[in-house]
């Protein structure tokens, strides 16, 4: 059984997503993992394209 606050957050989220869909909102939706919320949280590796011309930069 889930906690009531988690169920409430999920319902709010799904209602908001439905509202975006109903209003034909074309803005991209970006999901973030909690690791990338704080500026100083870094990983030992980075994402980059196959040409090595673009990548996710680590915070300074």
PDB file of N, CA and C in Angstrom:
ATOM      1  N   UNK A   1       0.840  -1.176   0.000  1.00  0.00           N
ATOM      2  CA  UNK A   1       0.000   0.000   0.000  1.00  0.00           C
ATOM      3  C   UNK A   1       0.884   1.237   0.000  1.00  0.00           C
ATOM      4  N   UNK A   2       0.573   2.180  -0.853  1.00  0.00           N
ATOM      5  CA  UNK A   2       1.381   3.390  -0.965  1.00  0.00           C
ATOM      6  C   UNK A   2       0.956   4.451   0.046  1.00  0.00           C
ATOM      7  N   UNK A   3       1.897   5.317   0.348  1.00  0.00           N
ATOM      8  CA  UNK A   3       1.599   6.415   1.255  1.00  0.00           C
ATOM      9  C   UNK A   3       0.669   7.405   0.560  1.00  0.00           C
ATOM     10  N   UNK A   4      -0.197   8.011   1.319  1.00  0.00           N
ATOM     11  CA  UNK A   4      -1.198   8.928   0.763  1.00  0.00           C
ATOM     12  C   UNK A   4      -0.579  10.113   0.044  1.00  0.00           C
ATOM     13  N   UNK A   5       0.521  10.656   0.567  1.00  0.00           N
ATOM     14  CA  UNK A   5       1.135  11.825  -0.079  1.00  0.00           C
ATOM     15  C   UNK A   5       1.711  11.467  -1.447  1.00  0.00           C
ATOM     16  N   UNK A   6       2.243  10.258  -1.591  1.00  0.00           N
ATOM     17  CA  UNK A   6       2.791   9.826  -2.884  1.00  0.00           C
ATOM     18  C   UNK A   6       1.660   9.648  -3.896  1.00  0.00           C
ATOM     19  N   UNK A   7       0.568   9.053  -3.464  1.00  0.00           N
ATOM     20  CA  UNK A   7      -0.597   8.889  -4.342  1.00  0.00           C
ATOM     21  C   UNK A   7      -1.106  10.262  -4.776  1.00  0.00           C
ATOM     22  N   UNK A   8      -1.150  11.202  -3.864  1.00  0.00           N
ATOM     23  CA  UNK A   8      -1.625  12.551  -4.172  1.00  0.00           C
ATOM     24  C   UNK A   8      -0.725  13.229  -5.212  1.00  0.00           C
ATOM     25  N   UNK A   9       0.597  13.110  -5.040  1.00  0.00           N
ATOM     26  CA  UNK A   9       1.522  13.691  -6.009  1.00  0.00           C
ATOM     27  C   UNK A   9       1.353  13.066  -7.394  1.00  0.00           C
ATOM     28  N   UNK A  10       1.148  11.753  -7.426  1.00  0.00           N
ATOM     29  CA  UNK A  10       0.963  11.072  -8.708  1.00  0.00           C
ATOM     30  C   UNK A  10      -0.311  11.552  -9.400  1.00  0.00           C
ATOM     31  N   UNK A  11      -1.393  11.704  -8.651  1.00  0.00           N
ATOM     32  CA  UNK A  11      -2.663  12.176  -9.216  1.00  0.00           C
ATOM     33  C   UNK A  11      -2.498  13.585  -9.769  1.00  0.00           C
ATOM     34  N   UNK A  12      -1.822  14.462  -9.018  1.00  0.00           N
ATOM     35  CA  UNK A  12      -1.586  15.831  -9.495  1.00  0.00           C
ATOM     36  C   UNK A  12      -0.768  15.824 -10.779  1.00  0.00           C
ATOM     37  N   UNK A  13       0.270  14.999 -10.814  1.00  0.00           N
ATOM     38  CA  UNK A  13       1.117  14.896 -11.999  1.00  0.00           C
ATOM     39  C   UNK A  13       0.313  14.419 -13.208  1.00  0.00           C
ATOM     40  N   UNK A  14      -0.448  13.362 -13.047  1.00  0.00           N
ATOM     41  CA  UNK A  14      -1.225  12.821 -14.165  1.00  0.00           C
ATOM     42  C   UNK A  14      -2.289  13.805 -14.645  1.00  0.00           C
ATOM     43  N   UNK A  15      -2.886  14.527 -13.727  1.00  0.00           N
ATOM     44  CA  UNK A  15      -3.867  15.544 -14.139  1.00  0.00           C
ATOM     45  C   UNK A  15      -3.198  16.652 -14.941  1.00  0.00           C
ATOM     46  N   UNK A  16      -2.022  17.071 -14.527  1.00  0.00           N
ATOM     47  CA  UNK A  16      -1.288  18.118 -15.237  1.00  0.00           C
ATOM     48  C   UNK A  16      -0.890  17.631 -16.635  1.00  0.00           C
ATOM     49  N   UNK A  17      -0.409  16.384 -16.743  1.00  0.00           N
ATOM     50  CA  UNK A  17      -0.043  15.834 -18.053  1.00  0.00           C
ATOM     51  C   UNK A  17      -1.269  15.740 -18.966  1.00  0.00           C
ATOM     52  N   UNK A  18      -2.390  15.369 -18.396  1.00  0.00           N
ATOM     53  CA  UNK A  18      -3.627  15.298 -19.176  1.00  0.00           C
ATOM     54  C   UNK A  18      -4.038  16.690 -19.651  1.00  0.00           C
ATOM     55  N   UNK A  19      -3.884  17.676 -18.780  1.00  0.00           N
ATOM     56  CA  UNK A  19      -4.209  19.058 -19.144  1.00  0.00           C
ATOM     57  C   UNK A  19      -3.329  19.537 -20.294  1.00  0.00           C
ATOM     58  N   UNK A  20      -2.029  19.239 -20.231  1.00  0.00           N
ATOM     59  CA  UNK A  20      -1.123  19.614 -21.324  1.00  0.00           C
ATOM     60  C   UNK A  20      -1.573  18.968 -22.628  1.00  0.00           C
ATOM     61  N   UNK A  21      -1.903  17.710 -22.566  1.00  0.00           N
ATOM     62  CA  UNK A  21      -2.335  16.981 -23.758  1.00  0.00           C
ATOM     63  C   UNK A  21      -3.631  17.560 -24.322  1.00  0.00           C
ATOM     64  N   UNK A  22      -4.557  17.845 -23.456  1.00  0.00           N
ATOM     65  CA  UNK A  22      -5.862  18.377 -23.872  1.00  0.00           C
ATOM     66  C   UNK A  22      -5.728  19.757 -24.519  1.00  0.00           C
ATOM     67  N   UNK A  23      -4.777  20.554 -24.056  1.00  0.00           N
ATOM     68  CA  UNK A  23      -4.569  21.909 -24.578  1.00  0.00           C
ATOM     69  C   UNK A  23      -3.580  21.959 -25.740  1.00  0.00           C
ATOM     70  N   UNK A  24      -3.168  20.801 -26.240  1.00  0.00           N
ATOM     71  CA  UNK A  24      -2.210  20.714 -27.350  1.00  0.00           C
ATOM     72  C   UNK A  24      -0.929  21.501 -27.063  1.00  0.00           C
ATOM     73  N   UNK A  25      -0.471  21.425 -25.853  1.00  0.00           N
ATOM     74  CA  UNK A  25       0.765  22.091 -25.457  1.00  0.00           C
ATOM     75  C   UNK A  25       1.945  21.345 -26.093  1.00  0.00           C
ATOM     76  N   UNK A  26       2.749  22.056 -26.869  1.00  0.00           N
ATOM     77  CA  UNK A  26       3.846  21.410 -27.609  1.00  0.00           C
ATOM     78  C   UNK A  26       5.199  21.575 -26.938  1.00  0.00           C
ATOM     79  N   UNK A  27       5.227  22.189 -25.760  1.00  0.00           N
ATOM     80  CA  UNK A  27       6.509  22.328 -25.058  1.00  0.00           C
ATOM     81  C   UNK A  27       7.038  20.951 -24.679  1.00  0.00           C
ATOM     82  N   UNK A  28       8.345  20.759 -24.779  1.00  0.00           N
ATOM     83  CA  UNK A  28       8.897  19.452 -24.389  1.00  0.00           C
ATOM     84  C   UNK A  28       8.815  19.254 -22.880  1.00  0.00           C
ATOM     85  N   UNK A  29       8.616  18.026 -22.486  1.00  0.00           N
ATOM     86  CA  UNK A  29       8.599  17.673 -21.068  1.00  0.00           C
ATOM     87  C   UNK A  29       9.924  17.002 -20.760  1.00  0.00           C
ATOM     88  N   UNK A  30      10.616  17.521 -19.756  1.00  0.00           N
ATOM     89  CA  UNK A  30      11.934  17.012 -19.402  1.00  0.00           C
ATOM     90  C   UNK A  30      11.856  16.394 -18.016  1.00  0.00           C
ATOM     91  N   UNK A  31      12.312  15.156 -17.911  1.00  0.00           N
ATOM     92  CA  UNK A  31      12.346  14.464 -16.635  1.00  0.00           C
ATOM     93  C   UNK A  31      13.781  14.465 -16.125  1.00  0.00           C
ATOM     94  N   UNK A  32      13.950  14.840 -14.872  1.00  0.00           N
ATOM     95  CA  UNK A  32      15.286  14.886 -14.279  1.00  0.00           C
ATOM     96  C   UNK A  32      15.418  13.845 -13.179  1.00  0.00           C
ATOM     97  N   UNK A  33      16.553  13.199 -13.175  1.00  0.00           N
ATOM     98  CA  UNK A  33      16.901  12.307 -12.084  1.00  0.00           C
ATOM     99  C   UNK A  33      17.410  13.186 -10.948  1.00  0.00           C
ATOM    100  N   UNK A  34      17.162  12.822  -9.722  1.00  0.00           N
ATOM    101  CA  UNK A  34      17.549  13.679  -8.603  1.00  0.00           C
ATOM    102  C   UNK A  34      19.053  13.930  -8.536  1.00  0.00           C
ATOM    103  N   UNK A  35      19.871  13.085  -9.169  1.00  0.00           N
ATOM    104  CA  UNK A  35      21.317  13.285  -9.166  1.00  0.00           C
ATOM    105  C   UNK A  35      21.723  14.587  -9.840  1.00  0.00           C
ATOM    106  N   UNK A  36      20.946  15.030 -10.797  1.00  0.00           N
ATOM    107  CA  UNK A  36      21.337  16.183 -11.595  1.00  0.00           C
ATOM    108  C   UNK A  36      20.677  17.470 -11.117  1.00  0.00           C
ATOM    109  N   UNK A  37      20.011  17.440  -9.996  1.00  0.00           N
ATOM    110  CA  UNK A  37      19.344  18.636  -9.484  1.00  0.00           C
ATOM    111  C   UNK A  37      20.362  19.623  -8.906  1.00  0.00           C
ATOM    112  N   UNK A  38      21.291  19.143  -8.109  1.00  0.00           N
ATOM    113  CA  UNK A  38      22.273  20.016  -7.483  1.00  0.00           C
ATOM    114  C   UNK A  38      23.445  20.256  -8.419  1.00  0.00           C
ATOM    115  N   UNK A  39      23.936  21.458  -8.441  1.00  0.00           N
ATOM    116  CA  UNK A  39      25.003  21.834  -9.368  1.00  0.00           C
ATOM    117  C   UNK A  39      26.278  21.035  -9.151  1.00  0.00           C
ATOM    118  N   UNK A  40      26.630  20.724  -7.928  1.00  0.00           N
ATOM    119  CA  UNK A  40      27.913  20.085  -7.656  1.00  0.00           C
ATOM    120  C   UNK A  40      27.881  18.569  -7.700  1.00  0.00           C
ATOM    121  N   UNK A  41      26.730  17.982  -7.987  1.00  0.00           N
ATOM    122  CA  UNK A  41      26.669  16.529  -8.155  1.00  0.00           C
ATOM    123  C   UNK A  41      27.190  16.175  -9.537  1.00  0.00           C
ATOM    124  N   UNK A  42      28.262  15.430  -9.600  1.00  0.00           N
ATOM    125  CA  UNK A  42      28.837  15.040 -10.893  1.00  0.00           C
ATOM    126  C   UNK A  42      29.004  13.540 -10.959  1.00  0.00           C
ATOM    127  N   UNK A  43      29.205  13.057 -12.161  1.00  0.00           N
ATOM    128  CA  UNK A  43      29.426  11.633 -12.404  1.00  0.00           C
ATOM    129  C   UNK A  43      30.843  11.433 -12.903  1.00  0.00           C
ATOM    130  N   UNK A  44      31.324  10.226 -12.857  1.00  0.00           N
ATOM    131  CA  UNK A  44      32.651   9.908 -13.340  1.00  0.00           C
ATOM    132  C   UNK A  44      32.725   9.832 -14.854  1.00  0.00           C
ATOM    133  N   UNK A  45      31.572   9.817 -15.516  1.00  0.00           N
ATOM    134  CA  UNK A  45      31.540   9.784 -16.979  1.00  0.00           C
ATOM    135  C   UNK A  45      30.514  10.797 -17.471  1.00  0.00           C
ATOM    136  N   UNK A  46      30.541  11.085 -18.776  1.00  0.00           N
ATOM    137  CA  UNK A  46      29.621  12.065 -19.341  1.00  0.00           C
ATOM    138  C   UNK A  46      28.942  11.468 -20.562  1.00  0.00           C
ATOM    139  N   UNK A  47      27.853  12.101 -20.988  1.00  0.00           N
ATOM    140  CA  UNK A  47      27.185  11.717 -22.229  1.00  0.00           C
ATOM    141  C   UNK A  47      27.766  12.547 -23.356  1.00  0.00           C
ATOM    142  N   UNK A  48      27.984  11.928 -24.500  1.00  0.00           N
ATOM    143  CA  UNK A  48      28.441  12.674 -25.669  1.00  0.00           C
ATOM    144  C   UNK A  48      27.983  11.945 -26.922  1.00  0.00           C
ATOM    145  N   UNK A  49      27.976  12.683 -28.037  1.00  0.00           N
ATOM    146  CA  UNK A  49      27.540  12.062 -29.276  1.00  0.00           C
ATOM    147  C   UNK A  49      28.689  11.246 -29.881  1.00  0.00           C
ATOM    148  N   UNK A  50      28.405  10.521 -30.938  1.00  0.00           N
ATOM    149  CA  UNK A  50      29.416   9.634 -31.531  1.00  0.00           C
ATOM    150  C   UNK A  50      30.559  10.387 -32.198  1.00  0.00           C
ATOM    151  N   UNK A  51      30.354  11.664 -32.572  1.00  0.00           N
ATOM    152  CA  UNK A  51      31.412  12.460 -33.190  1.00  0.00           C
ATOM    153  C   UNK A  51      32.281  13.183 -32.160  1.00  0.00           C
ATOM    154  N   UNK A  52      31.933  13.077 -30.889  1.00  0.00           N
ATOM    155  CA  UNK A  52      32.639  13.769 -29.801  1.00  0.00           C
ATOM    156  C   UNK A  52      32.606  15.283 -29.963  1.00  0.00           C
ATOM    157  N   UNK A  53      31.555  15.813 -30.584  1.00  0.00           N
ATOM    158  CA  UNK A  53      31.462  17.256 -30.773  1.00  0.00           C
ATOM    159  C   UNK A  53      30.510  17.905 -29.774  1.00  0.00           C
ATOM    160  N   UNK A  54      29.628  17.114 -29.195  1.00  0.00           N
ATOM    161  CA  UNK A  54      28.679  17.642 -28.211  1.00  0.00           C
ATOM    162  C   UNK A  54      28.674  16.722 -27.017  1.00  0.00           C
ATOM    163  N   UNK A  55      28.503  17.334 -25.840  1.00  0.00           N
ATOM    164  CA  UNK A  55      28.458  16.515 -24.638  1.00  0.00           C
ATOM    165  C   UNK A  55      27.778  17.281 -23.517  1.00  0.00           C
ATOM    166  N   UNK A  56      27.396  16.556 -22.488  1.00  0.00           N
ATOM    167  CA  UNK A  56      26.857  17.176 -21.288  1.00  0.00           C
ATOM    168  C   UNK A  56      28.042  17.630 -20.452  1.00  0.00           C
ATOM    169  N   UNK A  57      28.125  18.919 -20.221  1.00  0.00           N
ATOM    170  CA  UNK A  57      29.262  19.454 -19.496  1.00  0.00           C
ATOM    171  C   UNK A  57      29.080  19.305 -17.993  1.00  0.00           C
ATOM    172  N   UNK A  58      30.139  19.014 -17.308  1.00  0.00           N
ATOM    173  CA  UNK A  58      30.097  18.918 -15.855  1.00  0.00           C
ATOM    174  C   UNK A  58      30.089  20.302 -15.260  1.00  0.00           C
ATOM    175  N   UNK A  59      29.430  20.506 -14.116  1.00  0.00           N
ATOM    176  CA  UNK A  59      29.417  21.829 -13.490  1.00  0.00           C
ATOM    177  C   UNK A  59      30.815  22.281 -13.096  1.00  0.00           C
ATOM    178  N   UNK A  60      31.012  23.581 -13.126  1.00  0.00           N
ATOM    179  CA  UNK A  60      32.302  24.149 -12.728  1.00  0.00           C
ATOM    180  C   UNK A  60      32.258  24.463 -11.242  1.00  0.00           C
TER     181      UNK A  60
END
